[in-house]
Amino acid sequence: MAAAAAAAGPVLWRRLLGLLPGRPGLAALLGRLSDRLGRNRDRRRRRSPWLLLAPLLSPAVPQVTSPPCCLCPEGVHRFQWIRNLVPEFGVSSSHVRVLSSPAEFFELMKGQINVAKRRVVMASLYLGTGPLEQELVDCLESTLEKSLQAKFPSDLKVSILLDFTRGSRGRKNSRTMLLPLLQRFPEQVRVSLFHTPNLRGLLRLLIPERFNETIGLQHMKVYLFDNNVILSGANLSDSYFTNRQDRYVFLQDCAEIADFFTELVDAVGDVSLQLQGDDTVHAVEGMVHPYKGDRAAYCRAANKRVMDVINSARARQQVLHAQTFHGDSLLTQEDAAAAGDRRPAPDTWIYPLIQMKPFEIQIDEIVTETLLTEAERGAKVYLTTGYFNLTQAYMDLVLGTRAEYQILLASPEVNGFFGAKGVAGAIPAAYVHIERQFYRAVCSLGQQERVRLQEYWRRGWTFHAKAEEVEAMSFPFWAARHCPHVGHGLNCVRIPSPCRHWRAIPGQRACAVIPGPWSETGISGLKPCAEQRDDPRRCLLFRGHLPLG
């Protein structure tokens, strides 16, 4: 019984975590105890067979406060519990486009900047300093110039959110690239640099550049132009425009989603340092300084600022949902078109998840664990990551649930650190070591047929895609997540805010985001997704991601 308790402990604690959404401090304590128990168990070099009982101890899906919506498309109510945590946006799948290459991503961004009239919002880890990045800055400058010279000048605003430590690295950096815009258009351009509250005092003085980025980062990737939004994992750097494979989802004419992400980036920008035209930085007036002020007070203020955005958007979307599907006089699509609303009926549901652990916001963590735990026998889960480093809790879920897992990893040659000088050059080998340890655990439990691993390799390219797909056999849909790294960086160091889309896209699968080739590793593997049965009732879930830390 003691062995059973030890094995099941992490899952039991995660169940408690799901029941304590209003007590993040206690939830965080339970999470740390869970991870510590997992590490101690690994040190004894044995894994209890009672781990197989994990599905029986899995948390129930969070309770939906309103009954399932019979007017919504079939099956979607299976995931409507998420709208109790974050806003739910309904759009048509005809407004959702999956991009396939870095070059397509780069050209689309330039084109969208050139035609923007009202707003450009860009959130990334950093902006590079090469000619392609300069081309992007020139596009912004040209669009701002046109907005001033137009016969009827527009109120175009440009807001850019980057990480402070990564954006300040080196003499020529993201800050120096953007200074000309700030100096020329001070009333239209805002550049915010998020500084983690964990890097302060003596620690901040002693840790050199590059290494200080391990303490915490702003990692959100959102690129927004008027009412069009690109959710991606790609940074604003030349390799992400040429030969670094990532994933990109383009949401066209989605005003509510664009408004939400504008408000979210503004909220994070308000708790960040503001870049000035003379290359100095200042905190927003009335805001606690992220590393000079009291850490607890800063985190409370940041939590309130972000949660206000989430809760207000959630309330608005609930009212809209009720009016759309539960009003006294429901309009048919033909009636709506006759009334002037020509938008197609929604068949895609988008849930922007938030994970900002320093601010005690852990929505993404709760939803991720619930989805993995609820994956039943017969379901297939596809995980994709460029950096394989599962937390103990996620490892227990993969090894302890009944679903089939196919995991796509980066081969050492396509790891972004491959061939780097110094300590960084050893990072790919470290990930290979972690992968081998995980596969040994799979083999020790005799689960090689249920949990399969494969590596991505492409000559001259690197790999940065992160995604999760859940294909449920007992429901008439399948779900996929456009997501961050599922590992220690997400849950412990960074502050992520991801986004999920449940969507019906006939004939498409999430893996189409990641074109081949895949290398056969001998571990068995995930084949490229060539086709999918054409079922309009399918639900596809993507998750876009914003870590700050």
Protein backbone atom coordinates (compact mmCIF):
# COMPACT_ATOMS: atom_id res chain seq x y z
CA MET A 1 0.00 0.00 0.00
CA ALA A 2 2.90 2.33 0.74
CA ALA A 3 4.26 1.75 -2.76
CA ALA A 4 0.87 2.46 -4.25
CA ALA A 5 0.57 5.70 -2.33
CA ALA A 6 4.04 6.78 -3.42
CA ALA A 7 3.31 6.07 -7.07
CA ALA A 8 -0.10 7.64 -7.08
CA GLY A 9 0.87 10.62 -4.95
CA PRO A 10 1.66 13.05 -7.79
CA VAL A 11 -1.63 12.32 -9.52
CA LEU A 12 -3.58 12.69 -6.27
CA TRP A 13 -1.95 16.03 -5.59
CA ARG A 14 -2.68 17.17 -9.15
CA ARG A 15 -6.29 16.25 -8.52
CA LEU A 16 -6.29 18.48 -5.45
CA LEU A 17 -4.65 21.23 -7.50
CA GLY A 18 -7.57 21.12 -9.93
CA LEU A 19 -9.96 21.55 -7.03
CA LEU A 20 -8.14 24.62 -5.71
CA PRO A 21 -8.31 27.22 -8.51
CA GLY A 22 -8.78 30.01 -5.98
CA ARG A 23 -5.81 29.01 -3.82
CA PRO A 24 -2.76 29.17 -6.08
CA GLY A 25 -0.30 29.26 -3.18
CA LEU A 26 -1.51 25.96 -1.77
CA ALA A 27 -1.73 24.54 -5.28
CA ALA A 28 1.89 25.51 -5.96
CA LEU A 29 2.97 23.87 -2.69
CA LEU A 30 1.21 20.66 -3.64
CA GLY A 31 2.90 20.77 -7.04
CA ARG A 32 6.34 21.15 -5.49
CA LEU A 33 5.70 18.28 -3.09
CA SER A 34 4.56 16.18 -6.04
CA ASP A 35 7.72 16.88 -8.03
CA ARG A 36 9.90 16.20 -4.98
CA LEU A 37 8.22 12.85 -4.41
CA GLY A 38 8.81 12.02 -8.06
CA ARG A 39 12.50 12.89 -7.84
CA ASN A 40 12.96 10.81 -4.71
CA ARG A 41 11.28 7.88 -6.37
CA ASP A 42 13.61 8.19 -9.38
CA ARG A 43 16.66 8.29 -7.12
CA ARG A 44 15.74 4.85 -5.84
CA ARG A 45 15.97 3.74 -9.51
CA ARG A 46 12.69 1.95 -9.57
CA ARG A 47 9.23 2.84 -10.81
CA SER A 48 6.29 1.23 -9.12
CA PRO A 49 3.89 -0.82 -11.28
CA TRP A 50 1.12 0.91 -9.33
CA LEU A 51 1.74 3.83 -11.71
CA LEU A 52 -0.64 2.02 -14.04
CA LEU A 53 -3.45 2.93 -11.63
CA ALA A 54 -2.96 6.65 -12.40
CA PRO A 55 -6.01 6.85 -14.72
CA LEU A 56 -8.24 5.62 -11.89
CA LEU A 57 -7.04 8.50 -9.73
CA SER A 58 -7.33 11.11 -12.47
CA PRO A 59 -9.12 14.39 -11.79
CA ALA A 60 -12.59 14.82 -13.14
CA VAL A 61 -13.15 17.42 -15.82
CA PRO A 62 -13.83 20.74 -14.05
CA GLN A 63 -17.53 21.16 -13.56
CA VAL A 64 -19.40 23.31 -16.07
CA THR A 65 -21.44 25.96 -14.30
CA SER A 66 -24.05 25.96 -17.08
CA PRO A 67 -25.61 22.90 -18.73
CA PRO A 68 -24.16 21.60 -22.02
CA CYS A 69 -25.28 23.73 -24.92
CA CYS A 70 -27.52 21.70 -27.20
CA LEU A 71 -27.50 24.53 -29.76
CA CYS A 72 -23.73 24.47 -30.20
CA PRO A 73 -22.24 22.09 -32.78
CA GLU A 74 -22.22 18.48 -31.70
CA GLY A 75 -19.51 17.40 -29.25
CA VAL A 76 -18.11 20.82 -28.41
CA HIS A 77 -19.73 20.81 -24.97
CA ARG A 78 -17.19 18.12 -24.05
CA PHE A 79 -14.67 20.95 -23.60
CA GLN A 80 -16.91 23.79 -22.52
CA TRP A 81 -15.60 23.52 -18.97
CA ILE A 82 -12.62 25.56 -20.17
CA ARG A 83 -14.82 28.62 -20.62
CA ASN A 84 -15.16 28.75 -16.84
CA LEU A 85 -11.47 29.66 -16.77
CA VAL A 86 -10.90 31.77 -19.88
CA PRO A 87 -12.97 33.47 -22.60
CA GLU A 88 -14.40 31.29 -25.37
CA PHE A 89 -14.32 32.67 -28.91
CA GLY A 90 -16.37 31.16 -31.71
CA VAL A 91 -15.19 31.72 -35.29
CA SER A 92 -15.59 30.02 -38.65
CA SER A 93 -12.88 27.61 -39.75
CA SER A 94 -12.86 29.48 -43.07
CA HIS A 95 -11.18 32.31 -41.14
CA VAL A 96 -8.40 30.03 -39.84
CA ARG A 97 -5.36 29.31 -41.97
CA VAL A 98 -2.34 27.17 -41.10
CA LEU A 99 0.94 28.39 -42.59
CA SER A 100 3.58 25.87 -43.54
CA SER A 101 6.93 27.63 -43.86
CA PRO A 102 9.08 30.37 -42.30
CA ALA A 103 9.16 32.29 -45.59
CA GLU A 104 5.35 32.30 -45.78
CA PHE A 105 5.21 33.56 -42.19
CA PHE A 106 7.67 36.39 -42.93
CA GLU A 107 5.95 37.52 -46.12
CA LEU A 108 2.53 37.44 -44.48
CA MET A 109 3.75 39.62 -41.61
CA LYS A 110 5.21 42.21 -43.97
CA GLY A 111 2.04 42.26 -46.03
CA GLN A 112 -0.15 42.65 -42.97
CA ILE A 113 1.99 45.51 -41.63
CA ASN A 114 1.78 47.33 -44.96
CA VAL A 115 -2.04 47.36 -44.96
CA ALA A 116 -2.63 47.94 -41.23
CA LYS A 117 -4.78 51.00 -40.53
CA ARG A 118 -5.56 50.94 -36.82
CA ARG A 119 -3.16 48.78 -34.82
CA VAL A 120 -0.07 46.60 -34.99
CA VAL A 121 0.66 44.54 -31.88
CA MET A 122 3.75 42.31 -31.77
CA ALA A 123 4.82 40.21 -28.79
CA SER A 124 7.98 38.11 -29.02
CA LEU A 125 11.00 37.03 -27.03
CA TYR A 126 13.24 39.36 -29.03
CA LEU A 127 13.82 41.12 -32.34
CA GLY A 128 16.97 40.13 -34.19
CA THR A 129 19.52 42.53 -35.66
CA GLY A 130 20.04 41.24 -39.22
CA PRO A 131 18.87 42.54 -42.59
CA LEU A 132 15.56 40.64 -42.53
CA GLU A 133 14.69 42.07 -39.14
CA GLN A 134 15.63 45.53 -40.41
CA GLU A 135 13.28 44.93 -43.36
CA LEU A 136 10.48 44.30 -40.86
CA VAL A 137 11.29 47.52 -38.97
CA ASP A 138 11.36 49.41 -42.28
CA CYS A 139 7.85 48.09 -43.03
CA LEU A 140 6.66 49.47 -39.70
CA GLU A 141 8.30 52.82 -40.39
CA SER A 142 6.76 53.02 -43.86
CA THR A 143 3.27 52.21 -42.57
CA LEU A 144 3.57 54.78 -39.78
CA GLU A 145 4.77 57.37 -42.28
CA LYS A 146 1.81 56.65 -44.58
CA SER A 147 -0.59 57.01 -41.65
CA LEU A 148 0.67 60.57 -41.08
CA GLN A 149 0.68 61.60 -44.75
CA ALA A 150 -2.77 60.25 -45.59
CA LYS A 151 -5.49 62.69 -46.60
CA PHE A 152 -7.33 61.59 -43.48
CA PRO A 153 -4.58 60.63 -41.00
CA SER A 154 -5.31 57.39 -39.17
CA ASP A 155 -4.86 56.71 -35.50
CA LEU A 156 -2.46 53.81 -36.16
CA LYS A 157 -0.76 52.59 -32.99
CA VAL A 158 2.18 50.17 -32.81
CA SER A 159 2.77 48.21 -29.59
CA ILE A 160 5.76 45.88 -29.25
CA LEU A 161 6.39 43.62 -26.24
CA LEU A 162 9.77 41.90 -25.83
CA ASP A 163 11.82 40.38 -23.03
CA PHE A 164 14.15 42.77 -21.25
CA THR A 165 17.17 40.49 -20.78
CA ARG A 166 17.09 38.89 -24.25
CA GLY A 167 16.22 42.17 -25.94
CA SER A 168 19.14 43.94 -24.23
CA ARG A 169 21.82 41.36 -25.05
CA GLY A 170 24.87 42.82 -26.82
CA ARG A 171 25.67 46.33 -27.99
CA LYS A 172 23.41 46.01 -31.02
CA ASN A 173 20.16 44.50 -29.87
CA SER A 174 16.37 44.65 -30.06
CA ARG A 175 16.32 47.98 -28.26
CA THR A 176 18.72 49.69 -30.65
CA MET A 177 16.76 48.31 -33.62
CA LEU A 178 13.56 49.95 -32.38
CA LEU A 179 14.94 53.27 -31.12
CA PRO A 180 14.50 55.05 -34.50
CA LEU A 181 10.77 54.25 -34.45
CA LEU A 182 10.41 55.55 -30.90
CA GLN A 183 12.33 58.73 -31.71
CA ARG A 184 10.42 59.48 -34.91
CA PHE A 185 6.91 58.40 -33.81
CA PRO A 186 6.83 58.86 -30.03
CA GLU A 187 3.04 59.26 -29.90
CA GLN A 188 2.30 56.17 -31.97
CA VAL A 189 4.91 53.60 -30.90
CA ARG A 190 5.17 51.81 -27.57
CA VAL A 191 7.98 49.34 -26.75
CA SER A 192 7.58 47.36 -23.51
CA LEU A 193 10.35 45.19 -22.07
CA PHE A 194 9.19 42.58 -19.58
CA HIS A 195 11.63 42.04 -16.70
CA THR A 196 11.13 38.97 -14.54
CA PRO A 197 10.62 39.79 -10.86
CA ASN A 198 12.87 36.83 -9.99
CA LEU A 199 16.03 38.54 -11.30
CA ARG A 200 16.83 41.16 -8.66
CA GLY A 201 19.35 42.29 -6.07
CA LEU A 202 22.75 40.62 -5.94
CA LEU A 203 21.62 37.92 -8.35
CA ARG A 204 20.97 40.53 -11.05
CA LEU A 205 24.38 42.09 -10.54
CA LEU A 206 26.35 38.84 -10.62
CA ILE A 207 24.77 36.81 -13.43
CA PRO A 208 26.19 37.81 -16.84
CA GLU A 209 24.31 38.24 -20.12
CA ARG A 210 22.79 35.12 -21.68
CA PHE A 211 22.90 33.29 -18.34
CA ASN A 212 20.50 35.81 -16.79
CA GLU A 213 17.91 34.69 -19.34
CA THR A 214 17.62 31.34 -17.53
CA ILE A 215 15.95 33.07 -14.56
CA GLY A 216 12.81 33.98 -16.52
CA LEU A 217 11.60 35.31 -19.86
CA GLN A 218 8.75 36.92 -21.76
CA HIS A 219 8.06 34.28 -24.37
CA MET A 220 4.66 35.14 -25.86
CA LYS A 221 4.46 35.11 -29.67
CA VAL A 222 1.46 37.08 -30.95
CA TYR A 223 1.48 39.14 -34.13
CA LEU A 224 -1.66 41.22 -34.64
CA PHE A 225 -2.67 43.57 -37.44
CA ASP A 226 -6.05 45.33 -37.14
CA ASN A 227 -8.41 42.33 -36.74
CA ASN A 228 -6.02 39.67 -38.06
CA VAL A 229 -3.89 37.60 -35.69
CA ILE A 230 -0.92 35.26 -36.19
CA LEU A 231 -0.33 32.84 -33.30
CA SER A 232 3.08 31.21 -33.52
CA GLY A 233 6.11 30.02 -31.63
CA ALA A 234 8.46 31.91 -33.92
CA ASN A 235 10.54 34.83 -32.72
CA LEU A 236 11.29 37.91 -34.81
CA SER A 237 14.67 36.68 -35.99
CA ASP A 238 16.16 35.76 -39.38
CA SER A 239 16.32 31.98 -38.80
CA TYR A 240 12.59 31.98 -38.00
CA PHE A 241 12.04 33.65 -41.39
CA THR A 242 14.21 31.22 -43.37
CA ASN A 243 15.12 27.75 -42.06
CA ARG A 244 13.83 27.26 -38.51
CA GLN A 245 10.64 25.20 -38.69
CA ASP A 246 7.87 26.34 -36.38
CA ARG A 247 4.06 26.45 -36.48
CA TYR A 248 1.86 29.36 -37.45
CA VAL A 249 -1.92 29.84 -37.30
CA PHE A 250 -3.45 32.86 -39.04
CA LEU A 251 -6.84 34.05 -37.75
CA GLN A 252 -8.47 36.39 -40.26
CA ASP A 253 -11.11 39.01 -39.46
CA CYS A 254 -11.52 37.91 -35.83
CA ALA A 255 -12.21 41.21 -34.07
CA GLU A 256 -13.05 39.79 -30.61
CA ILE A 257 -9.87 37.71 -30.55
CA ALA A 258 -7.76 40.63 -31.76
CA ASP A 259 -9.28 42.86 -29.07
CA PHE A 260 -8.51 40.29 -26.38
CA PHE A 261 -4.87 39.85 -27.37
CA THR A 262 -4.45 43.61 -27.68
CA GLU A 263 -5.73 43.98 -24.11
CA LEU A 264 -3.55 41.10 -22.91
CA VAL A 265 -0.36 42.49 -24.45
CA ASP A 266 -1.28 45.93 -23.06
CA ALA A 267 -1.71 44.39 -19.60
CA VAL A 268 1.68 42.68 -19.70
CA GLY A 269 3.14 45.87 -21.17
CA ASP A 270 1.77 47.88 -18.24
CA VAL A 271 3.72 45.70 -15.78
CA SER A 272 6.85 45.91 -17.95
CA LEU A 273 9.52 48.56 -18.35
CA GLN A 274 8.91 51.18 -21.06
CA LEU A 275 11.71 51.87 -23.55
CA GLN A 276 12.41 55.58 -24.06
CA GLY A 277 13.89 57.37 -27.07
CA ASP A 278 17.24 57.79 -25.28
CA ASP A 279 17.49 53.99 -24.63
CA THR A 280 16.56 54.27 -20.96
CA VAL A 281 13.70 52.35 -19.39
CA HIS A 282 11.03 53.47 -16.91
CA ALA A 283 8.25 51.69 -15.09
CA VAL A 284 4.70 52.79 -15.85
CA GLU A 285 3.65 55.56 -13.46
CA GLY A 286 1.99 54.11 -10.36
CA MET A 287 3.23 50.56 -11.07
CA VAL A 288 5.55 48.68 -8.71
CA HIS A 289 9.02 48.32 -10.24
CA PRO A 290 9.64 44.67 -11.29
CA TYR A 291 13.11 44.31 -9.71
CA LYS A 292 13.56 47.40 -7.51
CA GLY A 293 10.17 47.29 -5.81
CA ASP A 294 8.65 44.74 -3.45
CA ARG A 295 8.38 41.43 -5.30
CA ALA A 296 5.15 40.29 -3.64
CA ALA A 297 3.44 43.64 -4.28
CA TYR A 298 4.56 43.60 -7.92
CA CYS A 299 3.28 40.06 -8.49
CA ARG A 300 -0.08 40.88 -6.87
CA ALA A 301 -0.46 43.95 -9.09
CA ALA A 302 0.51 41.96 -12.20
CA ASN A 303 -1.91 39.17 -11.29
CA LYS A 304 -4.77 41.65 -10.93
CA ARG A 305 -3.95 43.45 -14.17
CA VAL A 306 -3.87 40.23 -16.22
CA MET A 307 -6.84 38.56 -14.51
CA ASP A 308 -8.96 41.68 -15.04
CA VAL A 309 -8.42 41.26 -18.79
CA ILE A 310 -9.25 37.55 -18.69
CA ASN A 311 -12.35 37.92 -16.55
CA SER A 312 -13.80 40.89 -18.43
CA ALA A 313 -13.30 39.12 -21.78
CA ARG A 314 -14.80 35.92 -20.35
CA ALA A 315 -17.89 37.81 -19.19
CA ARG A 316 -18.30 39.51 -22.58
CA GLN A 317 -18.01 36.24 -24.46
CA GLN A 318 -20.49 34.48 -22.19
CA VAL A 319 -23.05 37.21 -22.91
CA LEU A 320 -22.32 36.95 -26.63
CA HIS A 321 -22.64 33.16 -26.52
CA ALA A 322 -26.00 33.42 -24.75
CA GLN A 323 -27.26 35.96 -27.28
CA THR A 324 -26.04 33.88 -30.22
CA PHE A 325 -27.28 30.44 -29.16
CA HIS A 326 -29.83 31.02 -26.39
CA GLY A 327 -31.61 34.26 -27.32
CA ASP A 328 -35.37 34.50 -27.53
CA SER A 329 -35.21 34.96 -31.29
CA LEU A 330 -32.39 32.97 -32.85
CA LEU A 331 -31.54 34.09 -36.38
CA THR A 332 -30.70 31.62 -39.09
CA GLN A 333 -27.54 32.27 -41.08
CA GLU A 334 -29.69 33.54 -43.97
CA ASP A 335 -31.52 35.94 -41.64
CA ALA A 336 -28.21 37.17 -40.22
CA ALA A 337 -26.87 37.80 -43.73
CA ALA A 338 -30.02 39.71 -44.62
CA ALA A 339 -29.55 41.84 -41.48
CA GLY A 340 -26.05 42.76 -42.61
CA ASP A 341 -23.99 40.20 -40.66
CA ARG A 342 -22.23 38.22 -43.37
CA ARG A 343 -19.87 36.30 -41.09
CA PRO A 344 -20.20 32.52 -41.45
CA ALA A 345 -21.51 30.52 -38.51
CA PRO A 346 -18.86 29.54 -35.93
CA ASP A 347 -17.50 26.01 -36.04
CA THR A 348 -14.17 26.73 -34.32
CA TRP A 349 -13.72 27.50 -30.62
CA ILE A 350 -10.65 29.31 -29.37
CA TYR A 351 -9.58 29.34 -25.73
CA PRO A 352 -6.64 31.62 -24.86
CA LEU A 353 -4.99 29.94 -21.88
CA ILE A 354 -2.76 31.74 -19.44
CA GLN A 355 0.19 30.38 -17.48
CA MET A 356 2.13 32.96 -15.48
CA LYS A 357 3.49 31.07 -12.51
CA PRO A 358 5.37 33.97 -10.88
CA PHE A 359 2.00 35.76 -10.81
CA GLU A 360 0.22 32.62 -9.52
CA ILE A 361 -1.75 32.19 -12.74
CA GLN A 362 -1.66 28.51 -13.73
CA ILE A 363 -4.67 27.98 -15.97
CA ASP A 364 -2.70 26.29 -18.73
CA GLU A 365 -1.13 23.82 -16.34
CA ILE A 366 -4.54 22.77 -15.00
CA VAL A 367 -6.05 22.35 -18.47
CA THR A 368 -3.02 20.51 -19.85
CA GLU A 369 -3.02 17.95 -17.06
CA THR A 370 -6.78 17.50 -17.31
CA LEU A 371 -6.61 16.85 -21.06
CA LEU A 372 -3.75 14.37 -20.70
CA THR A 373 -5.44 12.60 -17.81
CA GLU A 374 -8.83 12.41 -19.51
CA ALA A 375 -7.41 10.83 -22.69
CA GLU A 376 -9.15 7.45 -22.61
CA ARG A 377 -8.17 4.09 -24.06
CA GLY A 378 -8.34 4.27 -27.84
CA ALA A 379 -7.44 7.96 -27.94
CA LYS A 380 -4.25 9.05 -29.63
CA VAL A 381 -2.09 11.87 -28.31
CA TYR A 382 0.57 13.46 -30.50
CA LEU A 383 3.18 15.59 -28.72
CA THR A 384 5.71 17.71 -30.56
CA THR A 385 8.55 19.66 -28.98
CA GLY A 386 11.96 20.96 -29.88
CA TYR A 387 13.09 20.63 -26.25
CA PHE A 388 12.04 17.38 -24.59
CA ASN A 389 12.13 17.84 -20.80
CA LEU A 390 8.92 16.57 -19.23
CA THR A 391 8.13 17.43 -15.63
CA GLN A 392 7.63 14.46 -13.33
CA ALA A 393 3.88 15.10 -13.26
CA TYR A 394 3.60 15.01 -17.07
CA MET A 395 5.83 11.94 -17.26
CA ASP A 396 3.57 10.14 -14.80
CA LEU A 397 0.54 11.07 -16.88
CA VAL A 398 2.09 9.80 -20.13
CA LEU A 399 3.21 6.53 -18.54
CA GLY A 400 0.13 6.07 -16.39
CA THR A 401 -2.77 6.77 -18.77
CA ARG A 402 -4.23 4.45 -21.40
CA ALA A 403 -4.05 6.58 -24.53
CA GLU A 404 -1.53 5.98 -27.29
CA TYR A 405 1.27 8.56 -27.46
CA GLN A 406 3.36 9.47 -30.46
CA ILE A 407 6.04 12.02 -29.60
CA LEU A 408 7.99 13.99 -32.20
CA LEU A 409 11.31 15.39 -30.97
CA ALA A 410 14.14 17.40 -32.47
CA SER A 411 17.18 15.36 -33.47
CA PRO A 412 20.45 16.75 -32.06
CA GLU A 413 21.39 18.14 -35.48
CA VAL A 414 18.27 20.33 -35.71
CA ASN A 415 18.45 21.57 -32.12
CA GLY A 416 19.06 25.31 -32.18
CA PHE A 417 22.09 24.89 -29.88
CA PHE A 418 23.82 22.27 -32.08
CA GLY A 419 27.40 23.33 -32.77
CA ALA A 420 27.27 26.26 -30.35
CA LYS A 421 30.39 27.30 -28.48
CA GLY A 422 30.95 26.74 -24.78
CA VAL A 423 28.39 25.23 -22.43
CA ALA A 424 25.52 25.78 -24.90
CA GLY A 425 27.06 23.26 -27.28
CA ALA A 426 26.34 20.47 -24.79
CA ILE A 427 22.60 21.20 -24.66
CA PRO A 428 21.59 18.88 -27.55
CA ALA A 429 23.43 15.98 -25.88
CA ALA A 430 21.62 16.75 -22.62
CA TYR A 431 18.24 16.47 -24.35
CA VAL A 432 19.31 13.16 -25.92
CA HIS A 433 20.17 11.92 -22.43
CA ILE A 434 16.73 12.95 -21.12
CA GLU A 435 15.09 11.25 -24.10
CA ARG A 436 16.98 8.02 -23.42
CA GLN A 437 16.03 8.06 -19.76
CA PHE A 438 12.38 8.50 -20.67
CA TYR A 439 12.49 5.71 -23.23
CA ARG A 440 14.09 3.36 -20.70
CA ALA A 441 11.15 4.07 -18.39
CA VAL A 442 8.78 3.28 -21.27
CA CYS A 443 10.57 -0.01 -21.94
CA SER A 444 10.71 -0.98 -18.26
CA LEU A 445 6.91 -0.82 -18.19
CA GLY A 446 6.59 -2.70 -21.47
CA GLN A 447 4.82 0.21 -23.17
CA GLN A 448 6.88 0.51 -26.36
CA GLU A 449 3.80 -0.08 -28.52
CA ARG A 450 1.71 2.55 -26.70
CA VAL A 451 4.35 5.30 -26.33
CA ARG A 452 6.44 5.91 -29.43
CA LEU A 453 9.16 8.46 -30.09
CA GLN A 454 10.50 9.88 -33.32
CA GLU A 455 12.98 12.60 -34.24
CA TYR A 456 12.64 15.40 -36.78
CA TRP A 457 15.59 15.95 -39.10
CA ARG A 458 16.03 18.18 -42.13
CA ARG A 459 19.39 19.10 -43.61
CA GLY A 460 20.31 22.71 -42.95
CA TRP A 461 17.23 23.39 -40.79
CA THR A 462 16.46 23.67 -37.09
CA PHE A 463 13.23 22.68 -35.31
CA HIS A 464 11.19 24.82 -32.91
CA ALA A 465 7.62 23.53 -33.21
CA LYS A 466 5.52 22.70 -30.16
CA ALA A 467 2.09 21.11 -30.42
CA GLU A 468 -0.25 18.58 -28.90
CA GLU A 469 -3.03 16.73 -30.68
CA VAL A 470 -5.64 14.58 -28.99
CA GLU A 471 -7.68 12.34 -31.27
CA ALA A 472 -10.57 10.90 -29.28
CA MET A 473 -12.24 7.80 -30.64
CA SER A 474 -15.37 8.04 -28.48
CA PHE A 475 -16.26 11.52 -29.74
CA PRO A 476 -17.04 12.72 -33.28
CA PHE A 477 -14.14 15.15 -33.29
CA TRP A 478 -10.46 15.40 -32.65
CA ALA A 479 -8.53 18.09 -30.87
CA ALA A 480 -5.09 19.57 -31.35
CA ARG A 481 -3.14 22.19 -29.40
CA HIS A 482 -0.86 24.86 -30.71
CA CYS A 483 1.20 24.98 -27.54
CA PRO A 484 4.41 25.81 -25.68
CA HIS A 485 7.09 23.45 -24.51
CA VAL A 486 5.47 20.96 -22.15
CA GLY A 487 8.18 20.80 -19.53
CA HIS A 488 10.04 22.42 -16.66
CA GLY A 489 10.41 25.76 -18.46
CA LEU A 490 6.66 26.13 -18.82
CA ASN A 491 5.62 25.23 -15.30
CA CYS A 492 8.52 26.51 -13.22
CA VAL A 493 10.53 29.32 -14.79
CA ARG A 494 8.50 31.14 -17.42
CA ILE A 495 5.14 32.85 -17.38
CA PRO A 496 3.22 31.34 -20.27
CA SER A 497 -0.14 32.36 -21.66
CA PRO A 498 -1.18 29.93 -24.36
CA CYS A 499 -4.14 29.76 -26.66
CA ARG A 500 -6.26 26.84 -27.78
CA HIS A 501 -8.53 26.48 -30.72
CA TRP A 502 -11.11 23.77 -31.06
CA ARG A 503 -11.84 23.77 -34.72
CA ALA A 504 -13.50 21.77 -37.43
CA ILE A 505 -11.29 21.76 -40.52
CA PRO A 506 -12.30 19.15 -43.08
CA GLY A 507 -9.37 17.15 -44.35
CA GLN A 508 -6.66 18.78 -42.23
CA ARG A 509 -4.65 17.64 -39.24
CA ALA A 510 -2.48 19.59 -36.86
CA CYS A 511 0.66 17.79 -37.95
CA ALA A 512 0.35 19.55 -41.30
CA VAL A 513 1.93 22.48 -39.45
CA ILE A 514 5.17 20.50 -39.34
CA PRO A 515 6.20 19.35 -42.84
CA GLY A 516 8.56 16.39 -43.16
CA PRO A 517 10.89 14.73 -43.46
CA TRP A 518 10.91 12.74 -40.23
CA SER A 519 13.87 10.44 -39.54
CA GLU A 520 13.31 6.84 -38.53
CA THR A 521 15.08 6.51 -35.20
CA GLY A 522 14.57 2.84 -34.48
CA ILE A 523 12.35 3.84 -31.57
CA SER A 524 9.35 3.64 -33.93
CA GLY A 525 7.55 6.69 -35.05
CA LEU A 526 4.94 9.10 -36.16
CA LYS A 527 4.30 9.15 -39.89
CA PRO A 528 3.56 12.44 -41.66
CA CYS A 529 -0.15 13.13 -41.61
CA ALA A 530 -1.26 12.74 -45.22
CA GLU A 531 -5.02 12.80 -44.90
CA GLN A 532 -7.81 12.75 -42.35
CA ARG A 533 -11.34 11.55 -42.77
CA ASP A 534 -13.59 14.42 -43.81
CA ASP A 535 -15.83 14.85 -40.79
CA PRO A 536 -17.22 18.40 -40.35
CA ARG A 537 -18.07 17.65 -36.71
CA ARG A 538 -14.42 17.30 -35.75
CA CYS A 539 -13.01 19.69 -33.22
CA LEU A 540 -9.43 20.90 -33.53
CA LEU A 541 -7.63 22.51 -30.64
CA PHE A 542 -4.54 24.65 -31.01
CA ARG A 543 -2.78 26.50 -28.27
CA GLY A 544 -0.55 29.50 -28.77
CA HIS A 545 1.79 30.42 -26.00
CA LEU A 546 3.15 33.34 -23.99
CA PRO A 547 5.69 32.61 -21.31
CA LEU A 548 6.99 35.41 -19.17
CA GLY A 549 8.92 34.60 -16.13
